PDB file of all heavy atoms in Angstrom:
ATOM      1  N   SER A   1    -117.572 -77.402 133.093  1.00  0.00           N
ATOM      2  CA  SER A   1    -116.341 -76.807 132.500  1.00  0.00           C
ATOM      3  C   SER A   1    -115.358 -77.900 132.211  1.00  0.00           C
ATOM      4  O   SER A   1    -115.457 -78.932 132.928  1.00  0.00           O
ATOM      5  CB  SER A   1    -115.748 -75.723 133.385  1.00  0.00           C
ATOM      6  OG  SER A   1    -115.398 -76.239 134.607  1.00  0.00           O
ATOM      7  N   GLY A   2    -114.494 -77.630 131.318  1.00  0.00           N
ATOM      8  CA  GLY A   2    -113.362 -78.604 131.045  1.00  0.00           C
ATOM      9  C   GLY A   2    -113.798 -79.768 130.198  1.00  0.00           C
ATOM     10  O   GLY A   2    -113.103 -80.842 130.209  1.00  0.00           O
ATOM     11  N   THR A   3    -114.930 -79.676 129.535  1.00  0.00           N
ATOM     12  CA  THR A   3    -115.395 -80.795 128.685  1.00  0.00           C
ATOM     13  C   THR A   3    -116.166 -80.365 127.558  1.00  0.00           C
ATOM     14  O   THR A   3    -116.787 -79.254 127.604  1.00  0.00           O
ATOM     15  CB  THR A   3    -116.194 -81.824 129.561  1.00  0.00           C
ATOM     16  OG1 THR A   3    -116.583 -82.878 128.622  1.00  0.00           O
ATOM     17  CG2 THR A   3    -117.355 -81.145 130.129  1.00  0.00           C
ATOM     18  N   MET A   4    -116.354 -81.183 126.544  1.00  0.00           N
ATOM     19  CA  MET A   4    -117.194 -80.919 125.394  1.00  0.00           C
ATOM     20  C   MET A   4    -118.563 -81.381 125.814  1.00  0.00           C
ATOM     21  O   MET A   4    -119.036 -82.384 125.483  1.00  0.00           O
ATOM     22  CB  MET A   4    -116.781 -81.754 124.180  1.00  0.00           C
ATOM     23  CG  MET A   4    -115.417 -81.272 123.621  1.00  0.00           C
ATOM     24  SD  MET A   4    -115.542 -79.621 122.864  1.00  0.00           S
ATOM     25  CE  MET A   4    -116.434 -79.994 121.406  1.00  0.00           C
ATOM     26  N   PHE A   5    -119.205 -80.581 126.667  1.00  0.00           N
ATOM     27  CA  PHE A   5    -120.442 -80.916 127.303  1.00  0.00           C
ATOM     28  C   PHE A   5    -121.532 -81.456 126.361  1.00  0.00           C
ATOM     29  O   PHE A   5    -122.239 -82.387 126.734  1.00  0.00           O
ATOM     30  CB  PHE A   5    -120.942 -79.614 128.016  1.00  0.00           C
ATOM     31  CG  PHE A   5    -122.273 -79.692 128.685  1.00  0.00           C
ATOM     32  CD1 PHE A   5    -122.447 -80.345 129.887  1.00  0.00           C
ATOM     33  CD2 PHE A   5    -123.323 -79.206 128.025  1.00  0.00           C
ATOM     34  CE1 PHE A   5    -123.685 -80.435 130.405  1.00  0.00           C
ATOM     35  CE2 PHE A   5    -124.616 -79.220 128.588  1.00  0.00           C
ATOM     36  CZ  PHE A   5    -124.826 -79.889 129.763  1.00  0.00           C
ATOM     37  N   SER A   6    -121.638 -80.837 125.199  1.00  0.00           N
ATOM     38  CA  SER A   6    -122.788 -81.133 124.331  1.00  0.00           C
ATOM     39  C   SER A   6    -122.733 -82.609 123.855  1.00  0.00           C
ATOM     40  O   SER A   6    -123.765 -83.120 123.413  1.00  0.00           O
ATOM     41  CB  SER A   6    -122.801 -80.135 123.121  1.00  0.00           C
ATOM     42  OG  SER A   6    -121.566 -80.396 122.374  1.00  0.00           O
ATOM     43  N   MET A   7    -121.582 -83.312 123.952  1.00  0.00           N
ATOM     44  CA  MET A   7    -121.493 -84.646 123.413  1.00  0.00           C
ATOM     45  C   MET A   7    -122.004 -85.694 124.335  1.00  0.00           C
ATOM     46  O   MET A   7    -122.268 -86.862 123.881  1.00  0.00           O
ATOM     47  CB  MET A   7    -120.014 -84.925 123.183  1.00  0.00           C
ATOM     48  CG  MET A   7    -119.317 -84.039 122.133  1.00  0.00           C
ATOM     49  SD  MET A   7    -117.615 -84.391 122.102  1.00  0.00           S
ATOM     50  CE  MET A   7    -117.528 -86.112 121.660  1.00  0.00           C
ATOM     51  N   TYR A   8    -122.309 -85.361 125.643  1.00  0.00           N
ATOM     52  CA  TYR A   8    -122.581 -86.404 126.615  1.00  0.00           C
ATOM     53  C   TYR A   8    -123.972 -86.373 127.259  1.00  0.00           C
ATOM     54  O   TYR A   8    -124.575 -85.302 127.294  1.00  0.00           O
ATOM     55  CB  TYR A   8    -121.482 -86.213 127.636  1.00  0.00           C
ATOM     56  CG  TYR A   8    -120.101 -86.318 127.124  1.00  0.00           C
ATOM     57  CD1 TYR A   8    -119.266 -85.221 127.172  1.00  0.00           C
ATOM     58  CD2 TYR A   8    -119.603 -87.550 126.663  1.00  0.00           C
ATOM     59  CE1 TYR A   8    -118.000 -85.344 126.627  1.00  0.00           C
ATOM     60  CE2 TYR A   8    -118.326 -87.686 126.126  1.00  0.00           C
ATOM     61  CZ  TYR A   8    -117.508 -86.463 126.095  1.00  0.00           C
ATOM     62  OH  TYR A   8    -116.274 -86.613 125.626  1.00  0.00           O
ATOM     63  N   VAL A   9    -124.265 -87.588 127.763  1.00  0.00           N
ATOM     64  CA  VAL A   9    -125.507 -87.616 128.543  1.00  0.00           C
ATOM     65  C   VAL A   9    -125.277 -86.888 129.847  1.00  0.00           C
ATOM     66  O   VAL A   9    -124.174 -86.963 130.472  1.00  0.00           O
ATOM     67  CB  VAL A   9    -125.875 -89.063 128.825  1.00  0.00           C
ATOM     68  CG1 VAL A   9    -126.957 -89.136 129.817  1.00  0.00           C
ATOM     69  CG2 VAL A   9    -126.251 -89.782 127.552  1.00  0.00           C
ATOM     70  N   ALA A  10    -126.302 -86.147 130.240  1.00  0.00           N
ATOM     71  CA  ALA A  10    -126.276 -85.480 131.509  1.00  0.00           C
ATOM     72  C   ALA A  10    -127.512 -85.660 132.279  1.00  0.00           C
ATOM     73  O   ALA A  10    -128.500 -86.118 131.761  1.00  0.00           O
ATOM     74  CB  ALA A  10    -126.037 -83.884 131.331  1.00  0.00           C
ATOM     75  N   GLY A  11    -127.477 -85.493 133.666  1.00  0.00           N
ATOM     76  CA  GLY A  11    -128.689 -85.728 134.361  1.00  0.00           C
ATOM     77  C   GLY A  11    -128.542 -85.373 135.816  1.00  0.00           C
ATOM     78  O   GLY A  11    -127.591 -84.741 136.285  1.00  0.00           O
ATOM     79  N   TRP A  12    -129.558 -85.775 136.546  1.00  0.00           N
ATOM     80  CA  TRP A  12    -129.615 -85.489 137.981  1.00  0.00           C
ATOM     81  C   TRP A  12    -130.050 -86.776 138.733  1.00  0.00           C
ATOM     82  O   TRP A  12    -130.923 -87.494 138.357  1.00  0.00           O
ATOM     83  CB  TRP A  12    -130.784 -84.438 138.236  1.00  0.00           C
ATOM     84  CG  TRP A  12    -130.435 -83.058 137.660  1.00  0.00           C
ATOM     85  CD1 TRP A  12    -130.760 -82.749 136.404  1.00  0.00           C
ATOM     86  CD2 TRP A  12    -129.785 -82.038 138.344  1.00  0.00           C
ATOM     87  NE1 TRP A  12    -130.229 -81.385 136.199  1.00  0.00           N
ATOM     88  CE2 TRP A  12    -129.671 -80.973 137.410  1.00  0.00           C
ATOM     89  CE3 TRP A  12    -129.250 -81.795 139.593  1.00  0.00           C
ATOM     90  CZ2 TRP A  12    -129.139 -79.752 137.688  1.00  0.00           C
ATOM     91  CZ3 TRP A  12    -128.642 -80.607 139.898  1.00  0.00           C
ATOM     92  CH2 TRP A  12    -128.644 -79.563 138.945  1.00  0.00           C
ATOM     93  N   TYR A  13    -129.410 -86.962 139.885  1.00  0.00           N
ATOM     94  CA  TYR A  13    -129.799 -87.898 140.886  1.00  0.00           C
ATOM     95  C   TYR A  13    -130.107 -87.170 142.129  1.00  0.00           C
ATOM     96  O   TYR A  13    -129.794 -85.939 142.272  1.00  0.00           O
ATOM     97  CB  TYR A  13    -128.520 -88.825 141.194  1.00  0.00           C
ATOM     98  CG  TYR A  13    -128.368 -89.996 140.313  1.00  0.00           C
ATOM     99  CD1 TYR A  13    -127.902 -89.908 139.026  1.00  0.00           C
ATOM    100  CD2 TYR A  13    -128.643 -91.362 140.726  1.00  0.00           C
ATOM    101  CE1 TYR A  13    -127.722 -91.015 138.230  1.00  0.00           C
ATOM    102  CE2 TYR A  13    -128.492 -92.365 139.992  1.00  0.00           C
ATOM    103  CZ  TYR A  13    -127.977 -92.214 138.679  1.00  0.00           C
ATOM    104  OH  TYR A  13    -127.817 -93.308 137.903  1.00  0.00           O
ATOM    105  N   ARG A  14    -130.718 -87.778 143.082  1.00  0.00           N
ATOM    106  CA  ARG A  14    -130.922 -87.295 144.423  1.00  0.00           C
ATOM    107  C   ARG A  14    -130.753 -88.375 145.453  1.00  0.00           C
ATOM    108  O   ARG A  14    -130.919 -89.518 145.206  1.00  0.00           O
ATOM    109  CB  ARG A  14    -132.328 -86.725 144.515  1.00  0.00           C
ATOM    110  CG  ARG A  14    -133.592 -87.697 144.349  1.00  0.00           C
ATOM    111  CD  ARG A  14    -134.801 -86.922 144.424  1.00  0.00           C
ATOM    112  NE  ARG A  14    -135.974 -87.869 144.312  1.00  0.00           N
ATOM    113  CZ  ARG A  14    -137.266 -87.490 144.130  1.00  0.00           C
ATOM    114  NH1 ARG A  14    -137.492 -86.171 144.003  1.00  0.00           N
ATOM    115  NH2 ARG A  14    -138.255 -88.379 144.110  1.00  0.00           N
ATOM    116  N   GLN A  15    -130.434 -87.895 146.613  1.00  0.00           N
ATOM    117  CA  GLN A  15    -130.324 -88.752 147.789  1.00  0.00           C
ATOM    118  C   GLN A  15    -130.915 -88.121 148.979  1.00  0.00           C
ATOM    119  O   GLN A  15    -130.454 -87.120 149.494  1.00  0.00           O
ATOM    120  CB  GLN A  15    -128.803 -89.108 148.004  1.00  0.00           C
ATOM    121  CG  GLN A  15    -128.576 -90.172 148.987  1.00  0.00           C
ATOM    122  CD  GLN A  15    -127.209 -90.828 149.023  1.00  0.00           C
ATOM    123  OE1 GLN A  15    -126.259 -90.076 148.539  1.00  0.00           O
ATOM    124  NE2 GLN A  15    -126.974 -91.948 149.528  1.00  0.00           N
ATOM    125  N   ALA A  16    -131.907 -88.841 149.509  1.00  0.00           N
ATOM    126  CA  ALA A  16    -132.511 -88.459 150.821  1.00  0.00           C
ATOM    127  C   ALA A  16    -131.821 -89.106 151.945  1.00  0.00           C
ATOM    128  O   ALA A  16    -131.256 -90.157 151.819  1.00  0.00           O
ATOM    129  CB  ALA A  16    -134.026 -88.814 150.748  1.00  0.00           C
ATOM    130  N   PRO A  17    -131.969 -88.499 153.110  1.00  0.00           N
ATOM    131  CA  PRO A  17    -131.267 -89.163 154.299  1.00  0.00           C
ATOM    132  C   PRO A  17    -131.723 -90.645 154.507  1.00  0.00           C
ATOM    133  O   PRO A  17    -132.952 -90.906 154.512  1.00  0.00           O
ATOM    134  CB  PRO A  17    -131.757 -88.248 155.488  1.00  0.00           C
ATOM    135  CG  PRO A  17    -132.048 -86.932 154.844  1.00  0.00           C
ATOM    136  CD  PRO A  17    -132.598 -87.270 153.510  1.00  0.00           C
ATOM    137  N   GLY A  18    -130.730 -91.525 154.641  1.00  0.00           N
ATOM    138  CA  GLY A  18    -131.058 -92.927 154.903  1.00  0.00           C
ATOM    139  C   GLY A  18    -131.493 -93.669 153.706  1.00  0.00           C
ATOM    140  O   GLY A  18    -131.928 -94.889 153.819  1.00  0.00           O
ATOM    141  N   LYS A  19    -131.465 -93.043 152.514  1.00  0.00           N
ATOM    142  CA  LYS A  19    -131.916 -93.752 151.274  1.00  0.00           C
ATOM    143  C   LYS A  19    -130.747 -93.800 150.304  1.00  0.00           C
ATOM    144  O   LYS A  19    -129.836 -93.016 150.364  1.00  0.00           O
ATOM    145  CB  LYS A  19    -133.098 -92.996 150.666  1.00  0.00           C
ATOM    146  CG  LYS A  19    -134.295 -93.073 151.604  1.00  0.00           C
ATOM    147  CD  LYS A  19    -135.612 -92.504 150.867  1.00  0.00           C
ATOM    148  CE  LYS A  19    -136.843 -92.666 151.710  1.00  0.00           C
ATOM    149  NZ  LYS A  19    -138.035 -92.262 150.961  1.00  0.00           N
ATOM    150  N   GLN A  20    -130.947 -94.672 149.328  1.00  0.00           N
ATOM    151  CA  GLN A  20    -129.952 -94.773 148.229  1.00  0.00           C
ATOM    152  C   GLN A  20    -130.181 -93.636 147.241  1.00  0.00           C
ATOM    153  O   GLN A  20    -131.217 -93.051 147.148  1.00  0.00           O
ATOM    154  CB  GLN A  20    -130.100 -96.125 147.502  1.00  0.00           C
ATOM    155  CG  GLN A  20    -129.649 -97.345 148.303  1.00  0.00           C
ATOM    156  CD  GLN A  20    -129.665 -98.571 147.486  1.00  0.00           C
ATOM    157  OE1 GLN A  20    -130.469 -98.735 146.508  1.00  0.00           O
ATOM    158  NE2 GLN A  20    -128.634 -99.526 147.782  1.00  0.00           N
ATOM    159  N   ARG A  21    -129.098 -93.279 146.563  1.00  0.00           N
ATOM    160  CA  ARG A  21    -129.134 -92.313 145.537  1.00  0.00           C
ATOM    161  C   ARG A  21    -129.984 -92.857 144.427  1.00  0.00           C
ATOM    162  O   ARG A  21    -129.812 -94.004 143.980  1.00  0.00           O
ATOM    163  CB  ARG A  21    -127.698 -91.966 145.019  1.00  0.00           C
ATOM    164  CG  ARG A  21    -127.627 -90.743 144.152  1.00  0.00           C
ATOM    165  CD  ARG A  21    -126.196 -90.413 143.862  1.00  0.00           C
ATOM    166  NE  ARG A  21    -125.400 -89.929 145.000  1.00  0.00           N
ATOM    167  CZ  ARG A  21    -124.226 -89.268 145.030  1.00  0.00           C
ATOM    168  NH1 ARG A  21    -123.689 -89.130 143.784  1.00  0.00           N
ATOM    169  NH2 ARG A  21    -123.656 -88.946 146.059  1.00  0.00           N
ATOM    170  N   GLU A  22    -130.804 -92.037 143.894  1.00  0.00           N
ATOM    171  CA  GLU A  22    -131.816 -92.468 142.807  1.00  0.00           C
ATOM    172  C   GLU A  22    -131.720 -91.503 141.626  1.00  0.00           C
ATOM    173  O   GLU A  22    -131.578 -90.299 141.782  1.00  0.00           O
ATOM    174  CB  GLU A  22    -133.197 -92.642 143.287  1.00  0.00           C
ATOM    175  CG  GLU A  22    -133.952 -91.311 143.792  1.00  0.00           C
ATOM    176  CD  GLU A  22    -135.338 -91.459 144.101  1.00  0.00           C
ATOM    177  OE1 GLU A  22    -135.963 -92.553 143.743  1.00  0.00           O
ATOM    178  OE2 GLU A  22    -135.927 -90.488 144.664  1.00  0.00           O
ATOM    179  N   LEU A  23    -131.881 -92.086 140.434  1.00  0.00           N
ATOM    180  CA  LEU A  23    -131.900 -91.242 139.235  1.00  0.00           C
ATOM    181  C   LEU A  23    -133.209 -90.480 139.145  1.00  0.00           C
ATOM    182  O   LEU A  23    -134.336 -91.014 139.343  1.00  0.00           O
ATOM    183  CB  LEU A  23    -131.751 -92.099 137.950  1.00  0.00           C
ATOM    184  CG  LEU A  23    -131.841 -91.450 136.668  1.00  0.00           C
ATOM    185  CD1 LEU A  23    -130.653 -90.407 136.523  1.00  0.00           C
ATOM    186  CD2 LEU A  23    -131.855 -92.323 135.478  1.00  0.00           C
ATOM    187  N   VAL A  24    -133.113 -89.194 138.956  1.00  0.00           N
ATOM    188  CA  VAL A  24    -134.344 -88.328 138.756  1.00  0.00           C
ATOM    189  C   VAL A  24    -134.647 -88.135 137.359  1.00  0.00           C
ATOM    190  O   VAL A  24    -135.785 -88.308 136.913  1.00  0.00           O
ATOM    191  CB  VAL A  24    -134.096 -86.975 139.465  1.00  0.00           C
ATOM    192  CG1 VAL A  24    -135.283 -86.133 139.305  1.00  0.00           C
ATOM    193  CG2 VAL A  24    -133.824 -87.228 140.914  1.00  0.00           C
ATOM    194  N   ALA A  25    -133.646 -87.667 136.579  1.00  0.00           N
ATOM    195  CA  ALA A  25    -133.851 -87.408 135.176  1.00  0.00           C
ATOM    196  C   ALA A  25    -132.575 -87.401 134.404  1.00  0.00           C
ATOM    197  O   ALA A  25    -131.552 -87.172 135.015  1.00  0.00           O
ATOM    198  CB  ALA A  25    -134.566 -86.046 134.953  1.00  0.00           C
ATOM    199  N   ARG A  26    -132.625 -87.662 133.107  1.00  0.00           N
ATOM    200  CA  ARG A  26    -131.437 -87.594 132.288  1.00  0.00           C
ATOM    201  C   ARG A  26    -131.773 -87.110 130.925  1.00  0.00           C
ATOM    202  O   ARG A  26    -132.986 -87.163 130.536  1.00  0.00           O
ATOM    203  CB  ARG A  26    -130.759 -88.988 132.186  1.00  0.00           C
ATOM    204  CG  ARG A  26    -131.712 -90.026 131.406  1.00  0.00           C
ATOM    205  CD  ARG A  26    -131.098 -91.452 131.533  1.00  0.00           C
ATOM    206  NE  ARG A  26    -129.951 -91.665 130.771  1.00  0.00           N
ATOM    207  CZ  ARG A  26    -129.960 -92.061 129.479  1.00  0.00           C
ATOM    208  NH1 ARG A  26    -131.017 -92.091 128.842  1.00  0.00           N
ATOM    209  NH2 ARG A  26    -128.773 -92.175 128.818  1.00  0.00           N
ATOM    210  N   ILE A  27    -130.699 -86.592 130.262  1.00  0.00           N
ATOM    211  CA  ILE A  27    -130.980 -85.980 128.891  1.00  0.00           C
ATOM    212  C   ILE A  27    -129.790 -86.295 128.024  1.00  0.00           C
ATOM    213  O   ILE A  27    -128.697 -86.203 128.465  1.00  0.00           O
ATOM    214  CB  ILE A  27    -131.241 -84.465 129.013  1.00  0.00           C
ATOM    215  CG1 ILE A  27    -131.575 -83.876 127.629  1.00  0.00           C
ATOM    216  CG2 ILE A  27    -130.097 -83.716 129.660  1.00  0.00           C
ATOM    217  CD1 ILE A  27    -132.200 -82.418 127.709  1.00  0.00           C
ATOM    218  N   THR A  28    -130.069 -86.769 126.856  1.00  0.00           N
ATOM    219  CA  THR A  28    -129.001 -87.172 125.902  1.00  0.00           C
ATOM    220  C   THR A  28    -128.444 -85.964 125.161  1.00  0.00           C
ATOM    221  O   THR A  28    -128.944 -84.856 125.245  1.00  0.00           O
ATOM    222  CB  THR A  28    -129.466 -88.262 124.926  1.00  0.00           C
ATOM    223  OG1 THR A  28    -130.428 -87.642 124.036  1.00  0.00           O
ATOM    224  CG2 THR A  28    -130.114 -89.425 125.727  1.00  0.00           C
ATOM    225  N   SER A  29    -127.452 -86.247 124.370  1.00  0.00           N
ATOM    226  CA  SER A  29    -126.848 -85.176 123.503  1.00  0.00           C
ATOM    227  C   SER A  29    -127.880 -84.631 122.544  1.00  0.00           C
ATOM    228  O   SER A  29    -127.824 -83.540 122.097  1.00  0.00           O
ATOM    229  CB  SER A  29    -125.627 -85.615 122.820  1.00  0.00           C
ATOM    230  OG  SER A  29    -125.867 -86.833 122.110  1.00  0.00           O
ATOM    231  N   SER A  30    -128.744 -85.520 122.099  1.00  0.00           N
ATOM    232  CA  SER A  30    -129.905 -85.122 121.093  1.00  0.00           C
ATOM    233  C   SER A  30    -131.113 -84.647 121.892  1.00  0.00           C
ATOM    234  O   SER A  30    -132.167 -84.531 121.207  1.00  0.00           O
ATOM    235  CB  SER A  30    -130.115 -86.338 120.236  1.00  0.00           C
ATOM    236  OG  SER A  30    -130.654 -87.418 120.970  1.00  0.00           O
ATOM    237  N   LYS A  31    -131.062 -84.469 123.210  1.00  0.00           N
ATOM    238  CA  LYS A  31    -132.057 -83.901 124.035  1.00  0.00           C
ATOM    239  C   LYS A  31    -133.249 -84.940 124.155  1.00  0.00           C
ATOM    240  O   LYS A  31    -134.353 -84.378 124.585  1.00  0.00           O
ATOM    241  CB  LYS A  31    -132.546 -82.559 123.492  1.00  0.00           C
ATOM    242  CG  LYS A  31    -131.391 -81.548 123.562  1.00  0.00           C
ATOM    243  CD  LYS A  31    -131.870 -80.131 123.255  1.00  0.00           C
ATOM    244  CE  LYS A  31    -130.605 -79.189 123.314  1.00  0.00           C
ATOM    245  NZ  LYS A  31    -131.002 -77.780 123.047  1.00  0.00           N
ATOM    246  N   GLN A  32    -133.062 -86.180 124.163  1.00  0.00           N
ATOM    247  CA  GLN A  32    -134.094 -87.103 124.548  1.00  0.00           C
ATOM    248  C   GLN A  32    -134.016 -87.170 126.084  1.00  0.00           C
ATOM    249  O   GLN A  32    -132.924 -87.164 126.631  1.00  0.00           O
ATOM    250  CB  GLN A  32    -133.767 -88.541 123.888  1.00  0.00           C
ATOM    251  CG  GLN A  32    -134.039 -88.567 122.434  1.00  0.00           C
ATOM    252  CD  GLN A  32    -133.801 -89.907 121.839  1.00  0.00           C
ATOM    253  OE1 GLN A  32    -132.873 -90.624 122.210  1.00  0.00           O
ATOM    254  NE2 GLN A  32    -134.747 -90.391 121.007  1.00  0.00           N
ATOM    255  N   THR A  33    -135.137 -87.370 126.644  1.00  0.00           N
ATOM    256  CA  THR A  33    -135.222 -87.255 128.191  1.00  0.00           C
ATOM    257  C   THR A  33    -135.862 -88.567 128.718  1.00  0.00           C
ATOM    258  O   THR A  33    -136.637 -89.199 128.119  1.00  0.00           O
ATOM    259  CB  THR A  33    -136.015 -86.060 128.569  1.00  0.00           C
ATOM    260  OG1 THR A  33    -137.349 -86.102 128.082  1.00  0.00           O
ATOM    261  CG2 THR A  33    -135.299 -84.754 128.213  1.00  0.00           C
ATOM    262  N   ASN A  34    -135.510 -88.840 129.973  1.00  0.00           N
ATOM    263  CA  ASN A  34    -136.051 -89.899 130.755  1.00  0.00           C
ATOM    264  C   ASN A  34    -136.272 -89.418 132.147  1.00  0.00           C
ATOM    265  O   ASN A  34    -135.420 -88.604 132.632  1.00  0.00           O
ATOM    266  CB  ASN A  34    -135.137 -91.119 130.826  1.00  0.00           C
ATOM    267  CG  ASN A  34    -134.913 -91.698 129.456  1.00  0.00           C
ATOM    268  OD1 ASN A  34    -133.906 -91.454 128.866  1.00  0.00           O
ATOM    269  ND2 ASN A  34    -135.861 -92.520 129.010  1.00  0.00           N
TER     270      ASN A  34
END
């Protein structure tokens, strides 16, 4: 909320106990994924 969401890259990170936060997946405004 509070943003033009569709314009921006969005994604997910995760962090397990004792580990660094890591990128899980990302999606661009044109719906390309990594």
